[in-house]
Full PDB file with SEQRES, HELIX, SHEET, SSBOND, CRYST1, ORIGX, SCALE, CONECT and MASTER records, all heavy atoms in Angstrom:
SEQRES   1 A   38  SER THR LEU VAL LYS TYR VAL GLY ASN THR ASN GLN TYR          
SEQRES   2 A   38  LYS GLU SER ILE VAL THR ILE GLY GLN TYR LEU GLY VAL          
SEQRES   3 A   38  PRO LYS GLU GLU THR LEU GLY ILE MET GLU GLU TRP              
HELIX    1 AA1 THR A    2  VAL A    7  1                                   6    
HELIX    2 AA2 LYS A   14  TYR A   23  1                                  10    
HELIX    3 AA3 LYS A   28  GLU A   37  1                                  10    
CRYST1    1.000    1.000    1.000  90.00  90.00  90.00 P 1           1          
ORIGX1      1.000000  0.000000  0.000000        0.00000                         
ORIGX2      0.000000  1.000000  0.000000        0.00000                         
ORIGX3      0.000000  0.000000  1.000000        0.00000                         
SCALE1      1.000000  0.000000  0.000000        0.00000                         
SCALE2      0.000000  1.000000  0.000000        0.00000                         
SCALE3      0.000000  0.000000  1.000000        0.00000                         
ATOM      1  N   SER A   1      42.675  93.682 -68.683  1.00  0.00           N  
ATOM      2  CA  SER A   1      42.616  95.140 -68.561  1.00  0.00           C  
ATOM      3  C   SER A   1      43.913  95.695 -67.993  1.00  0.00           C  
ATOM      4  O   SER A   1      44.397  96.746 -68.436  1.00  0.00           O  
ATOM      5  CB  SER A   1      41.440  95.557 -67.672  1.00  0.00           C  
ATOM      6  OG  SER A   1      40.221  95.239 -68.280  1.00  0.00           O  
ATOM      7  N   THR A   2      44.485  95.000 -67.033  1.00  0.00           N  
ATOM      8  CA  THR A   2      45.746  95.443 -66.435  1.00  0.00           C  
ATOM      9  C   THR A   2      46.882  95.343 -67.448  1.00  0.00           C  
ATOM     10  O   THR A   2      47.736  96.237 -67.522  1.00  0.00           O  
ATOM     11  CB  THR A   2      46.058  94.640 -65.159  1.00  0.00           C  
ATOM     12  OG1 THR A   2      44.933  94.743 -64.270  1.00  0.00           O  
ATOM     13  CG2 THR A   2      47.300  95.165 -64.456  1.00  0.00           C  
ATOM     14  N   LEU A   3      46.891  94.279 -68.239  1.00  0.00           N  
ATOM     15  CA  LEU A   3      47.886  94.170 -69.317  1.00  0.00           C  
ATOM     16  C   LEU A   3      47.779  95.366 -70.253  1.00  0.00           C  
ATOM     17  O   LEU A   3      48.792  95.998 -70.582  1.00  0.00           O  
ATOM     18  CB  LEU A   3      47.655  92.891 -70.120  1.00  0.00           C  
ATOM     19  CG  LEU A   3      48.378  91.642 -69.704  1.00  0.00           C  
ATOM     20  CD1 LEU A   3      47.946  90.473 -70.580  1.00  0.00           C  
ATOM     21  CD2 LEU A   3      49.874  91.817 -69.767  1.00  0.00           C  
ATOM     22  N   VAL A   4      46.564  95.668 -70.675  1.00  0.00           N  
ATOM     23  CA  VAL A   4      46.332  96.779 -71.595  1.00  0.00           C  
ATOM     24  C   VAL A   4      46.806  98.089 -70.966  1.00  0.00           C  
ATOM     25  O   VAL A   4      47.442  98.918 -71.623  1.00  0.00           O  
ATOM     26  CB  VAL A   4      44.854  96.853 -72.017  1.00  0.00           C  
ATOM     27  CG1 VAL A   4      44.566  98.109 -72.816  1.00  0.00           C  
ATOM     28  CG2 VAL A   4      44.466  95.611 -72.801  1.00  0.00           C  
ATOM     29  N   LYS A   5      46.536  98.261 -69.700  1.00  0.00           N  
ATOM     30  CA  LYS A   5      46.947  99.464 -68.977  1.00  0.00           C  
ATOM     31  C   LYS A   5      48.463  99.654 -69.049  1.00  0.00           C  
ATOM     32  O   LYS A   5      48.945 100.751 -69.317  1.00  0.00           O  
ATOM     33  CB  LYS A   5      46.491  99.346 -67.517  1.00  0.00           C  
ATOM     34  CG  LYS A   5      47.007 100.417 -66.586  1.00  0.00           C  
ATOM     35  CD  LYS A   5      46.497 100.132 -65.182  1.00  0.00           C  
ATOM     36  CE  LYS A   5      47.117 100.970 -64.121  1.00  0.00           C  
ATOM     37  NZ  LYS A   5      46.573 100.627 -62.788  1.00  0.00           N  
ATOM     38  N   TYR A   6      49.211  98.594 -68.833  1.00  0.00           N  
ATOM     39  CA  TYR A   6      50.667  98.709 -68.815  1.00  0.00           C  
ATOM     40  C   TYR A   6      51.300  98.633 -70.197  1.00  0.00           C  
ATOM     41  O   TYR A   6      52.447  99.035 -70.369  1.00  0.00           O  
ATOM     42  CB  TYR A   6      51.273  97.680 -67.866  1.00  0.00           C  
ATOM     43  CG  TYR A   6      51.050  98.077 -66.428  1.00  0.00           C  
ATOM     44  CD1 TYR A   6      50.074  97.464 -65.662  1.00  0.00           C  
ATOM     45  CD2 TYR A   6      51.779  99.116 -65.867  1.00  0.00           C  
ATOM     46  CE1 TYR A   6      49.849  97.858 -64.358  1.00  0.00           C  
ATOM     47  CE2 TYR A   6      51.550  99.525 -64.567  1.00  0.00           C  
ATOM     48  CZ  TYR A   6      50.585  98.889 -63.808  1.00  0.00           C  
ATOM     49  OH  TYR A   6      50.348  99.298 -62.526  1.00  0.00           O  
ATOM     50  N   VAL A   7      50.567  98.165 -71.185  1.00  0.00           N  
ATOM     51  CA  VAL A   7      51.081  98.126 -72.552  1.00  0.00           C  
ATOM     52  C   VAL A   7      50.956  99.490 -73.212  1.00  0.00           C  
ATOM     53  O   VAL A   7      51.837  99.926 -73.938  1.00  0.00           O  
ATOM     54  CB  VAL A   7      50.349  97.050 -73.382  1.00  0.00           C  
ATOM     55  CG1 VAL A   7      50.633  97.211 -74.860  1.00  0.00           C  
ATOM     56  CG2 VAL A   7      50.761  95.668 -72.923  1.00  0.00           C  
ATOM     57  N   GLY A   8      49.861 100.179 -72.924  1.00  0.00           N  
ATOM     58  CA  GLY A   8      49.641 101.472 -73.568  1.00  0.00           C  
ATOM     59  C   GLY A   8      49.090 101.267 -74.971  1.00  0.00           C  
ATOM     60  O   GLY A   8      47.935 100.906 -75.134  1.00  0.00           O  
ATOM     61  N   ASN A   9      49.921 101.445 -75.983  1.00  0.00           N  
ATOM     62  CA  ASN A   9      49.509 101.256 -77.372  1.00  0.00           C  
ATOM     63  C   ASN A   9      49.403  99.760 -77.646  1.00  0.00           C  
ATOM     64  O   ASN A   9      50.411  99.083 -77.828  1.00  0.00           O  
ATOM     65  CB  ASN A   9      50.513 101.914 -78.313  1.00  0.00           C  
ATOM     66  CG  ASN A   9      50.134 101.734 -79.761  1.00  0.00           C  
ATOM     67  OD1 ASN A   9      49.117 101.132 -80.102  1.00  0.00           O  
ATOM     68  ND2 ASN A   9      50.961 102.265 -80.639  1.00  0.00           N  
ATOM     69  N   THR A  10      48.188  99.254 -77.694  1.00  0.00           N  
ATOM     70  CA  THR A  10      47.987  97.807 -77.822  1.00  0.00           C  
ATOM     71  C   THR A  10      48.198  97.284 -79.239  1.00  0.00           C  
ATOM     72  O   THR A  10      48.283  96.079 -79.431  1.00  0.00           O  
ATOM     73  CB  THR A  10      46.574  97.402 -77.355  1.00  0.00           C  
ATOM     74  OG1 THR A  10      45.609  98.121 -78.116  1.00  0.00           O  
ATOM     75  CG2 THR A  10      46.400  97.651 -75.878  1.00  0.00           C  
ATOM     76  N   ASN A  11      48.295  98.163 -80.227  1.00  0.00           N  
ATOM     77  CA  ASN A  11      48.454  97.694 -81.606  1.00  0.00           C  
ATOM     78  C   ASN A  11      49.697  96.822 -81.769  1.00  0.00           C  
ATOM     79  O   ASN A  11      49.676  95.819 -82.472  1.00  0.00           O  
ATOM     80  CB  ASN A  11      48.505  98.862 -82.585  1.00  0.00           C  
ATOM     81  CG  ASN A  11      47.157  99.511 -82.746  1.00  0.00           C  
ATOM     82  OD1 ASN A  11      46.127  98.873 -82.561  1.00  0.00           O  
ATOM     83  ND2 ASN A  11      47.149 100.789 -83.062  1.00  0.00           N  
ATOM     84  N   GLN A  12      50.786  97.189 -81.127  1.00  0.00           N  
ATOM     85  CA  GLN A  12      52.026  96.438 -81.255  1.00  0.00           C  
ATOM     86  C   GLN A  12      51.904  95.030 -80.669  1.00  0.00           C  
ATOM     87  O   GLN A  12      52.502  94.093 -81.177  1.00  0.00           O  
ATOM     88  CB  GLN A  12      53.162  97.192 -80.566  1.00  0.00           C  
ATOM     89  CG  GLN A  12      54.491  96.479 -80.667  1.00  0.00           C  
ATOM     90  CD  GLN A  12      55.614  97.258 -80.005  1.00  0.00           C  
ATOM     91  OE1 GLN A  12      55.421  98.378 -79.537  1.00  0.00           O  
ATOM     92  NE2 GLN A  12      56.786  96.678 -79.961  1.00  0.00           N  
ATOM     93  N   TYR A  13      51.141  94.885 -79.595  1.00  0.00           N  
ATOM     94  CA  TYR A  13      51.052  93.611 -78.884  1.00  0.00           C  
ATOM     95  C   TYR A  13      49.669  92.969 -78.960  1.00  0.00           C  
ATOM     96  O   TYR A  13      49.352  92.081 -78.174  1.00  0.00           O  
ATOM     97  CB  TYR A  13      51.443  93.806 -77.417  1.00  0.00           C  
ATOM     98  CG  TYR A  13      52.870  94.256 -77.239  1.00  0.00           C  
ATOM     99  CD1 TYR A  13      53.168  95.544 -76.817  1.00  0.00           C  
ATOM    100  CD2 TYR A  13      53.927  93.391 -77.494  1.00  0.00           C  
ATOM    101  CE1 TYR A  13      54.474  95.958 -76.638  1.00  0.00           C  
ATOM    102  CE2 TYR A  13      55.242  93.795 -77.324  1.00  0.00           C  
ATOM    103  CZ  TYR A  13      55.506  95.080 -76.898  1.00  0.00           C  
ATOM    104  OH  TYR A  13      56.803  95.478 -76.733  1.00  0.00           O  
ATOM    105  N   LYS A  14      48.856  93.416 -79.894  1.00  0.00           N  
ATOM    106  CA  LYS A  14      47.464  92.964 -79.992  1.00  0.00           C  
ATOM    107  C   LYS A  14      47.349  91.441 -80.024  1.00  0.00           C  
ATOM    108  O   LYS A  14      46.620  90.849 -79.231  1.00  0.00           O  
ATOM    109  CB  LYS A  14      46.828  93.572 -81.236  1.00  0.00           C  
ATOM    110  CG  LYS A  14      45.365  93.313 -81.403  1.00  0.00           C  
ATOM    111  CD  LYS A  14      44.873  94.054 -82.645  1.00  0.00           C  
ATOM    112  CE  LYS A  14      43.390  94.022 -82.757  1.00  0.00           C  
ATOM    113  NZ  LYS A  14      42.915  94.862 -83.879  1.00  0.00           N  
ATOM    114  N   GLU A  15      48.061  90.798 -80.933  1.00  0.00           N  
ATOM    115  CA  GLU A  15      47.962  89.342 -81.065  1.00  0.00           C  
ATOM    116  C   GLU A  15      48.493  88.623 -79.822  1.00  0.00           C  
ATOM    117  O   GLU A  15      47.966  87.582 -79.431  1.00  0.00           O  
ATOM    118  CB  GLU A  15      48.676  88.859 -82.325  1.00  0.00           C  
ATOM    119  CG  GLU A  15      47.963  89.260 -83.604  1.00  0.00           C  
ATOM    120  CD  GLU A  15      46.506  88.788 -83.655  1.00  0.00           C  
ATOM    121  OE1 GLU A  15      46.225  87.621 -83.306  1.00  0.00           O  
ATOM    122  OE2 GLU A  15      45.644  89.593 -84.046  1.00  0.00           O  
ATOM    123  N   SER A  16      49.513  89.178 -79.202  1.00  0.00           N  
ATOM    124  CA  SER A  16      50.053  88.560 -77.986  1.00  0.00           C  
ATOM    125  C   SER A  16      49.048  88.624 -76.839  1.00  0.00           C  
ATOM    126  O   SER A  16      48.883  87.663 -76.092  1.00  0.00           O  
ATOM    127  CB  SER A  16      51.354  89.251 -77.570  1.00  0.00           C  
ATOM    128  OG  SER A  16      52.324  89.085 -78.569  1.00  0.00           O  
ATOM    129  N   ILE A  17      48.362  89.758 -76.713  1.00  0.00           N  
ATOM    130  CA  ILE A  17      47.343  89.893 -75.667  1.00  0.00           C  
ATOM    131  C   ILE A  17      46.184  88.944 -75.954  1.00  0.00           C  
ATOM    132  O   ILE A  17      45.663  88.306 -75.039  1.00  0.00           O  
ATOM    133  CB  ILE A  17      46.873  91.358 -75.548  1.00  0.00           C  
ATOM    134  CG1 ILE A  17      48.036  92.240 -75.065  1.00  0.00           C  
ATOM    135  CG2 ILE A  17      45.681  91.464 -74.592  1.00  0.00           C  
ATOM    136  CD1 ILE A  17      47.759  93.731 -75.135  1.00  0.00           C  
ATOM    137  N   VAL A  18      45.806  88.815 -77.225  1.00  0.00           N  
ATOM    138  CA  VAL A  18      44.752  87.866 -77.597  1.00  0.00           C  
ATOM    139  C   VAL A  18      45.173  86.443 -77.237  1.00  0.00           C  
ATOM    140  O   VAL A  18      44.383  85.667 -76.689  1.00  0.00           O  
ATOM    141  CB  VAL A  18      44.401  87.981 -79.098  1.00  0.00           C  
ATOM    142  CG1 VAL A  18      43.547  86.807 -79.555  1.00  0.00           C  
ATOM    143  CG2 VAL A  18      43.679  89.295 -79.366  1.00  0.00           C  
ATOM    144  N   THR A  19      46.414  86.096 -77.523  1.00  0.00           N  
ATOM    145  CA  THR A  19      46.920  84.755 -77.187  1.00  0.00           C  
ATOM    146  C   THR A  19      46.874  84.511 -75.689  1.00  0.00           C  
ATOM    147  O   THR A  19      46.431  83.447 -75.237  1.00  0.00           O  
ATOM    148  CB  THR A  19      48.365  84.572 -77.707  1.00  0.00           C  
ATOM    149  OG1 THR A  19      48.362  84.732 -79.127  1.00  0.00           O  
ATOM    150  CG2 THR A  19      48.913  83.206 -77.345  1.00  0.00           C  
ATOM    151  N   ILE A  20      47.296  85.486 -74.911  1.00  0.00           N  
ATOM    152  CA  ILE A  20      47.228  85.351 -73.449  1.00  0.00           C  
ATOM    153  C   ILE A  20      45.782  85.175 -73.020  1.00  0.00           C  
ATOM    154  O   ILE A  20      45.467  84.319 -72.191  1.00  0.00           O  
ATOM    155  CB  ILE A  20      47.879  86.562 -72.756  1.00  0.00           C  
ATOM    156  CG1 ILE A  20      49.400  86.501 -72.959  1.00  0.00           C  
ATOM    157  CG2 ILE A  20      47.535  86.603 -71.269  1.00  0.00           C  
ATOM    158  CD1 ILE A  20      50.140  87.730 -72.527  1.00  0.00           C  
ATOM    159  N   GLY A  21      44.880  85.985 -73.579  1.00  0.00           N  
ATOM    160  CA  GLY A  21      43.454  85.852 -73.266  1.00  0.00           C  
ATOM    161  C   GLY A  21      42.942  84.456 -73.576  1.00  0.00           C  
ATOM    162  O   GLY A  21      42.212  83.851 -72.779  1.00  0.00           O  
ATOM    163  N   GLN A  22      43.347  83.903 -74.711  1.00  0.00           N  
ATOM    164  CA  GLN A  22      42.901  82.559 -75.085  1.00  0.00           C  
ATOM    165  C   GLN A  22      43.430  81.519 -74.112  1.00  0.00           C  
ATOM    166  O   GLN A  22      42.710  80.603 -73.728  1.00  0.00           O  
ATOM    167  CB  GLN A  22      43.327  82.242 -76.521  1.00  0.00           C  
ATOM    168  CG  GLN A  22      42.524  83.033 -77.531  1.00  0.00           C  
ATOM    169  CD  GLN A  22      43.024  82.877 -78.946  1.00  0.00           C  
ATOM    170  OE1 GLN A  22      44.213  82.730 -79.201  1.00  0.00           O  
ATOM    171  NE2 GLN A  22      42.095  82.918 -79.891  1.00  0.00           N  
ATOM    172  N   TYR A  23      44.671  81.652 -73.683  1.00  0.00           N  
ATOM    173  CA  TYR A  23      45.209  80.723 -72.696  1.00  0.00           C  
ATOM    174  C   TYR A  23      44.492  80.851 -71.349  1.00  0.00           C  
ATOM    175  O   TYR A  23      44.432  79.903 -70.582  1.00  0.00           O  
ATOM    176  CB  TYR A  23      46.714  80.917 -72.518  1.00  0.00           C  
ATOM    177  CG  TYR A  23      47.521  80.107 -73.490  1.00  0.00           C  
ATOM    178  CD1 TYR A  23      47.969  80.663 -74.678  1.00  0.00           C  
ATOM    179  CD2 TYR A  23      47.826  78.771 -73.233  1.00  0.00           C  
ATOM    180  CE1 TYR A  23      48.703  79.928 -75.584  1.00  0.00           C  
ATOM    181  CE2 TYR A  23      48.549  78.025 -74.136  1.00  0.00           C  
ATOM    182  CZ  TYR A  23      48.990  78.604 -75.307  1.00  0.00           C  
ATOM    183  OH  TYR A  23      49.712  77.860 -76.197  1.00  0.00           O  
ATOM    184  N   LEU A  24      43.938  82.048 -71.091  1.00  0.00           N  
ATOM    185  CA  LEU A  24      43.181  82.262 -69.857  1.00  0.00           C  
ATOM    186  C   LEU A  24      41.707  81.890 -70.028  1.00  0.00           C  
ATOM    187  O   LEU A  24      40.914  82.050 -69.111  1.00  0.00           O  
ATOM    188  CB  LEU A  24      43.306  83.724 -69.411  1.00  0.00           C  
ATOM    189  CG  LEU A  24      44.710  84.158 -68.984  1.00  0.00           C  
ATOM    190  CD1 LEU A  24      44.751  85.665 -68.752  1.00  0.00           C  
ATOM    191  CD2 LEU A  24      45.158  83.413 -67.734  1.00  0.00           C  
ATOM    192  N   GLY A  25      41.345  81.421 -71.235  1.00  0.00           N  
ATOM    193  CA  GLY A  25      39.988  80.949 -71.471  1.00  0.00           C  
ATOM    194  C   GLY A  25      39.034  81.969 -72.058  1.00  0.00           C  
ATOM    195  O   GLY A  25      37.812  81.773 -72.032  1.00  0.00           O  
ATOM    196  N   VAL A  26      39.557  83.062 -72.588  1.00  0.00           N  
ATOM    197  CA  VAL A  26      38.711  84.115 -73.144  1.00  0.00           C  
ATOM    198  C   VAL A  26      38.790  84.050 -74.675  1.00  0.00           C  
ATOM    199  O   VAL A  26      39.883  84.071 -75.236  1.00  0.00           O  
ATOM    200  CB  VAL A  26      39.175  85.505 -72.657  1.00  0.00           C  
ATOM    201  CG1 VAL A  26      38.296  86.596 -73.229  1.00  0.00           C  
ATOM    202  CG2 VAL A  26      39.183  85.558 -71.140  1.00  0.00           C  
ATOM    203  N   PRO A  27      37.649  83.978 -75.355  1.00  0.00           N  
ATOM    204  CA  PRO A  27      37.662  83.971 -76.823  1.00  0.00           C  
ATOM    205  C   PRO A  27      38.285  85.253 -77.392  1.00  0.00           C  
ATOM    206  O   PRO A  27      38.260  86.308 -76.747  1.00  0.00           O  
ATOM    207  CB  PRO A  27      36.183  83.891 -77.202  1.00  0.00           C  
ATOM    208  CG  PRO A  27      35.491  83.387 -75.987  1.00  0.00           C  
ATOM    209  CD  PRO A  27      36.296  83.869 -74.813  1.00  0.00           C  
ATOM    210  N   LYS A  28      38.815  85.148 -78.590  1.00  0.00           N  
ATOM    211  CA  LYS A  28      39.501  86.267 -79.246  1.00  0.00           C  
ATOM    212  C   LYS A  28      38.637  87.519 -79.286  1.00  0.00           C  
ATOM    213  O   LYS A  28      39.098  88.602 -78.926  1.00  0.00           O  
ATOM    214  CB  LYS A  28      39.909  85.865 -80.668  1.00  0.00           C  
ATOM    215  CG  LYS A  28      40.608  86.964 -81.428  1.00  0.00           C  
ATOM    216  CD  LYS A  28      41.027  86.515 -82.809  1.00  0.00           C  
ATOM    217  CE  LYS A  28      41.755  87.641 -83.526  1.00  0.00           C  
ATOM    218  NZ  LYS A  28      42.309  87.202 -84.818  1.00  0.00           N  
ATOM    219  N   GLU A  29      37.389  87.386 -79.735  1.00  0.00           N  
ATOM    220  CA  GLU A  29      36.521  88.563 -79.864  1.00  0.00           C  
ATOM    221  C   GLU A  29      36.262  89.240 -78.524  1.00  0.00           C  
ATOM    222  O   GLU A  29      36.191  90.473 -78.449  1.00  0.00           O  
ATOM    223  CB  GLU A  29      35.207  88.186 -80.551  1.00  0.00           C  
ATOM    224  CG  GLU A  29      35.367  87.798 -82.008  1.00  0.00           C  
ATOM    225  CD  GLU A  29      36.067  88.877 -82.838  1.00  0.00           C  
ATOM    226  OE1 GLU A  29      35.747  90.066 -82.679  1.00  0.00           O  
ATOM    227  OE2 GLU A  29      36.940  88.512 -83.644  1.00  0.00           O  
ATOM    228  N   GLU A  30      36.125  88.444 -77.479  1.00  0.00           N  
ATOM    229  CA  GLU A  30      35.893  89.029 -76.154  1.00  0.00           C  
ATOM    230  C   GLU A  30      37.145  89.755 -75.659  1.00  0.00           C  
ATOM    231  O   GLU A  30      37.061  90.835 -75.080  1.00  0.00           O  
ATOM    232  CB  GLU A  30      35.475  87.942 -75.158  1.00  0.00           C  
ATOM    233  CG  GLU A  30      34.969  88.519 -73.855  1.00  0.00           C  
ATOM    234  CD  GLU A  30      34.321  87.488 -72.957  1.00  0.00           C  
ATOM    235  OE1 GLU A  30      33.905  86.426 -73.442  1.00  0.00           O  
ATOM    236  OE2 GLU A  30      34.228  87.768 -71.750  1.00  0.00           O  
ATOM    237  N   THR A  31      38.318  89.169 -75.909  1.00  0.00           N  
ATOM    238  CA  THR A  31      39.566  89.831 -75.532  1.00  0.00           C  
ATOM    239  C   THR A  31      39.706  91.152 -76.278  1.00  0.00           C  
ATOM    240  O   THR A  31      40.066  92.174 -75.684  1.00  0.00           O  
ATOM    241  CB  THR A  31      40.782  88.925 -75.821  1.00  0.00           C  
ATOM    242  OG1 THR A  31      40.666  87.738 -75.050  1.00  0.00           O  
ATOM    243  CG2 THR A  31      42.080  89.625 -75.461  1.00  0.00           C  
ATOM    244  N   LEU A  32      39.414  91.145 -77.574  1.00  0.00           N  
ATOM    245  CA  LEU A  32      39.476  92.387 -78.351  1.00  0.00           C  
ATOM    246  C   LEU A  32      38.506  93.428 -77.799  1.00  0.00           C  
ATOM    247  O   LEU A  32      38.832  94.614 -77.735  1.00  0.00           O  
ATOM    248  CB  LEU A  32      39.189  92.103 -79.824  1.00  0.00           C  
ATOM    249  CG  LEU A  32      40.251  91.278 -80.559  1.00  0.00           C  
ATOM    250  CD1 LEU A  32      39.749  90.895 -81.949  1.00  0.00           C  
ATOM    251  CD2 LEU A  32      41.567  92.026 -80.643  1.00  0.00           C  
ATOM    252  N   GLY A  33      37.325  92.976 -77.372  1.00  0.00           N  
ATOM    253  CA  GLY A  33      36.348  93.885 -76.766  1.00  0.00           C  
ATOM    254  C   GLY A  33      36.859  94.495 -75.475  1.00  0.00           C  
ATOM    255  O   GLY A  33      36.702  95.695 -75.229  1.00  0.00           O  
ATOM    256  N   ILE A  34      37.494  93.670 -74.652  1.00  0.00           N  
ATOM    257  CA  ILE A  34      38.068  94.176 -73.398  1.00  0.00           C  
ATOM    258  C   ILE A  34      39.150  95.202 -73.716  1.00  0.00           C  
ATOM    259  O   ILE A  34      39.232  96.255 -73.081  1.00  0.00           O  
ATOM    260  CB  ILE A  34      38.629  93.016 -72.543  1.00  0.00           C  
ATOM    261  CG1 ILE A  34      37.488  92.128 -72.042  1.00  0.00           C  
ATOM    262  CG2 ILE A  34      39.444  93.559 -71.365  1.00  0.00           C  
ATOM    263  CD1 ILE A  34      37.945  90.816 -71.436  1.00  0.00           C  
ATOM    264  N   MET A  35      39.982  94.895 -74.709  1.00  0.00           N  
ATOM    265  CA  MET A  35      41.062  95.807 -75.082  1.00  0.00           C  
ATOM    266  C   MET A  35      40.525  97.162 -75.533  1.00  0.00           C  
ATOM    267  O   MET A  35      41.137  98.196 -75.259  1.00  0.00           O  
ATOM    268  CB  MET A  35      41.916  95.181 -76.190  1.00  0.00           C  
ATOM    269  CG  MET A  35      42.744  94.015 -75.710  1.00  0.00           C  
ATOM    270  SD  MET A  35      43.545  93.097 -77.054  1.00  0.00           S  
ATOM    271  CE  MET A  35      44.599  94.342 -77.771  1.00  0.00           C  
ATOM    272  N   GLU A  36      39.391  97.171 -76.191  1.00  0.00           N  
ATOM    273  CA  GLU A  36      38.814  98.417 -76.692  1.00  0.00           C  
ATOM    274  C   GLU A  36      38.049  99.187 -75.616  1.00  0.00           C  
ATOM    275  O   GLU A  36      38.018 100.408 -75.642  1.00  0.00           O  
ATOM    276  CB  GLU A  36      37.867  98.127 -77.853  1.00  0.00           C  
ATOM    277  CG  GLU A  36      38.580  97.680 -79.106  1.00  0.00           C  
ATOM    278  CD  GLU A  36      37.611  97.358 -80.231  1.00  0.00           C  
ATOM    279  OE1 GLU A  36      36.427  97.733 -80.140  1.00  0.00           O  
ATOM    280  OE2 GLU A  36      38.047  96.715 -81.199  1.00  0.00           O  
ATOM    281  N   GLU A  37      37.424  98.479 -74.676  1.00  0.00           N  
ATOM    282  CA  GLU A  37      36.491  99.122 -73.756  1.00  0.00           C  
ATOM    283  C   GLU A  37      36.966  99.204 -72.309  1.00  0.00           C  
ATOM    284  O   GLU A  37      36.226  99.690 -71.459  1.00  0.00           O  
ATOM    285  CB  GLU A  37      35.160  98.363 -73.784  1.00  0.00           C  
ATOM    286  CG  GLU A  37      34.497  98.368 -75.137  1.00  0.00           C  
ATOM    287  CD  GLU A  37      33.207  97.584 -75.149  1.00  0.00           C  
ATOM    288  OE1 GLU A  37      32.594  97.413 -74.078  1.00  0.00           O  
ATOM    289  OE2 GLU A  37      32.816  97.120 -76.232  1.00  0.00           O  
ATOM    290  N   TRP A  38      38.175  98.757 -72.029  1.00  0.00           N  
ATOM    291  CA  TRP A  38      38.620  98.729 -70.639  1.00  0.00           C  
ATOM    292  C   TRP A  38      38.645 100.145 -70.058  1.00  0.00           C  
ATOM    293  O   TRP A  38      38.753 101.135 -70.763  1.00  0.00           O  
ATOM    294  CB  TRP A  38      39.996  98.077 -70.529  1.00  0.00           C  
ATOM    295  CG  TRP A  38      41.117  99.002 -70.896  1.00  0.00           C  
ATOM    296  CD1 TRP A  38      41.530  99.340 -72.149  1.00  0.00           C  
ATOM    297  CD2 TRP A  38      41.938  99.732 -69.999  1.00  0.00           C  
ATOM    298  NE1 TRP A  38      42.559 100.230 -72.091  1.00  0.00           N  
ATOM    299  CE2 TRP A  38      42.836 100.494 -70.784  1.00  0.00           C  
ATOM    300  CE3 TRP A  38      42.013  99.823 -68.616  1.00  0.00           C  
ATOM    301  CZ2 TRP A  38      43.789 101.331 -70.212  1.00  0.00           C  
ATOM    302  CZ3 TRP A  38      42.965 100.659 -68.059  1.00  0.00           C  
ATOM    303  CH2 TRP A  38      43.842 101.397 -68.852  1.00  0.00           C  
TER     304      TRP A  38                                                      
MASTER        0    0    0    3    0    0    0    6  303    1    0    3          
END                                                                             
């Protein structure tokens, strides 16, 4: 959520945020959900 906050428009970095989420143990769909609902 903090990443999304400082990124602003997440479309440009969507896959990168998903990758970070996966390295932190969060499945892709859950990361996408956080990005949409934070």
